[in-house]
Protein backbone atom coordinates (compact mmCIF):
# COMPACT_ATOMS: atom_id res chain seq x y z
CA UNK A 1 165.69 168.27 -176.19
CA UNK A 2 163.50 170.98 -175.05
CA UNK A 3 163.61 174.61 -173.38
CA UNK A 4 161.01 176.71 -171.55
CA UNK A 5 160.88 179.92 -169.49
CA UNK A 6 159.60 180.10 -165.89
CA UNK A 7 160.16 182.71 -163.37
CA UNK A 8 162.65 184.40 -165.61
CA UNK A 9 164.38 180.97 -165.61
CA UNK A 10 165.50 179.27 -168.54
CA UNK A 11 164.94 175.49 -168.13
CA UNK A 12 166.68 173.03 -170.52
CA UNK A 13 165.60 169.57 -170.74
CA UNK A 14 168.36 167.91 -171.64
CA UNK A 15 170.85 164.57 -173.10
CA UNK A 16 174.45 165.04 -173.47
CA UNK A 17 177.63 163.31 -173.69
CA UNK A 18 180.72 163.13 -171.54
CA UNK A 19 184.47 161.62 -171.69
CA UNK A 20 186.06 160.58 -168.94
CA UNK A 21 190.08 159.54 -168.65
CA UNK A 22 192.03 158.45 -165.52
CA UNK A 23 190.24 156.35 -162.80
CA UNK A 24 187.12 156.42 -164.34
CA UNK A 25 187.96 155.61 -168.32
CA UNK A 26 185.05 155.62 -170.75
CA UNK A 27 181.73 157.43 -171.82
CA UNK A 28 178.70 158.83 -170.25
CA UNK A 29 175.12 159.86 -171.29
CA UNK A 30 173.31 162.30 -169.39
CA UNK A 31 169.95 163.23 -169.03
CA UNK A 32 168.37 165.92 -167.08
CA UNK A 33 167.45 169.33 -166.43
CA UNK A 34 170.02 172.45 -166.67
CA UNK A 35 168.38 175.51 -165.24
CA UNK A 36 170.05 179.15 -166.19
CA UNK A 37 168.82 181.63 -163.83
CA UNK A 38 168.65 185.51 -164.28
CA UNK A 39 171.50 186.47 -162.51
CA UNK A 40 173.77 184.25 -165.09
CA UNK A 41 174.63 181.10 -162.32
CA UNK A 42 173.01 177.68 -163.67
CA UNK A 43 172.18 174.79 -161.82
CA UNK A 44 171.88 171.16 -162.71
CA UNK A 45 169.96 167.71 -161.44
CA UNK A 46 170.55 164.77 -163.81
CA UNK A 47 170.77 160.86 -164.12
CA UNK A 48 174.76 159.78 -165.65
CA UNK A 49 175.26 156.20 -167.10
CA UNK A 50 179.08 155.60 -167.48
CA UNK A 51 180.48 152.53 -169.39
CA UNK A 52 183.89 151.85 -169.44
CA UNK A 53 186.69 150.73 -166.97
CA UNK A 54 187.08 151.91 -163.25
CA UNK A 55 190.47 150.79 -162.34
CA UNK A 56 190.63 148.31 -164.96
CA UNK A 57 187.12 146.55 -163.89
CA UNK A 58 184.42 146.95 -166.29
CA UNK A 59 180.49 147.47 -166.39
CA UNK A 60 178.52 150.50 -165.78
CA UNK A 61 177.70 153.31 -163.35
CA UNK A 62 174.87 155.28 -162.57
CA UNK A 63 175.46 158.23 -160.83
CA UNK A 64 172.87 161.08 -159.64
CA UNK A 65 174.44 164.31 -160.69
CA UNK A 66 173.95 168.08 -159.07
CA UNK A 67 175.61 170.51 -159.54
CA UNK A 68 175.75 174.32 -160.80
CA UNK A 69 178.05 176.94 -162.26
CA UNK A 70 178.57 180.78 -161.58
CA UNK A 71 178.09 183.67 -164.19
CA UNK A 72 181.73 183.28 -165.13
CA UNK A 73 181.02 179.44 -166.33
CA UNK A 74 183.17 177.90 -163.56
CA UNK A 75 181.22 174.69 -162.17
CA UNK A 76 180.92 172.15 -159.64
CA UNK A 77 179.01 168.91 -159.50
CA UNK A 78 178.87 166.19 -156.96
CA UNK A 79 178.02 162.37 -158.54
CA UNK A 80 176.73 159.89 -155.85
CA UNK A 81 176.84 156.08 -157.13
CA UNK A 82 173.58 155.04 -157.21
CA UNK A 83 174.00 151.25 -159.35
CA UNK A 84 176.22 149.33 -161.17
CA UNK A 85 176.61 146.78 -163.57
CA UNK A 86 179.32 143.81 -164.80
CA UNK A 87 182.34 144.23 -162.20
CA UNK A 88 181.33 147.92 -160.98
CA UNK A 89 177.85 146.18 -159.64
CA UNK A 90 179.57 146.91 -156.02
CA UNK A 91 181.11 150.01 -156.29
CA UNK A 92 179.93 152.81 -154.02
CA UNK A 93 181.09 156.10 -153.61
CA UNK A 94 180.80 159.89 -154.51
CA UNK A 95 182.66 161.92 -157.09
CA UNK A 96 183.45 165.69 -156.99
CA UNK A 97 183.79 167.89 -159.93
CA UNK A 98 185.21 171.06 -160.85
CA UNK A 99 185.87 173.20 -164.16
CA UNK A 100 184.67 175.43 -166.49
CA UNK A 101 182.50 175.58 -169.28
CA UNK A 102 184.11 176.22 -172.84
CA UNK A 103 182.12 177.53 -175.66
CA UNK A 104 181.35 175.56 -178.01
CA UNK A 105 182.50 172.39 -176.07
CA UNK A 106 181.19 172.50 -173.25
CA UNK A 107 182.26 171.63 -169.66
CA UNK A 108 186.03 170.62 -169.14
CA UNK A 109 187.44 169.88 -165.91
CA UNK A 110 188.44 167.02 -163.16
CA UNK A 111 187.36 164.87 -160.80
CA UNK A 112 188.35 163.75 -157.29
CA UNK A 113 186.43 161.40 -154.63
CA UNK A 114 186.46 157.80 -153.16
CA UNK A 115 184.97 154.72 -154.45
CA UNK A 116 185.38 151.15 -153.07
């Protein structure tokens, strides 16, 4: 959406789209900030809205998403559920993601965690 430079960091305000398969099956819209640091690493802080099913129950889930990547493009993230709608209104939990950035596609990886 926009890019600026501050203190040697490149700061990108972004909107991105993600597809899930597995326990979570659906799509997400991510809105947030991605910061590339002078050493080649990156960090991000986002809000993610997932729409789909979790173990067959349907609705939306909003995550607070934080994470980073090293200069080789290996990334990690923590997704904390902050709200839900529909059959997912009472869903609670935390997911952890890991993977690699694969240009030009973007990040691809796996997630683990516990939801209840």
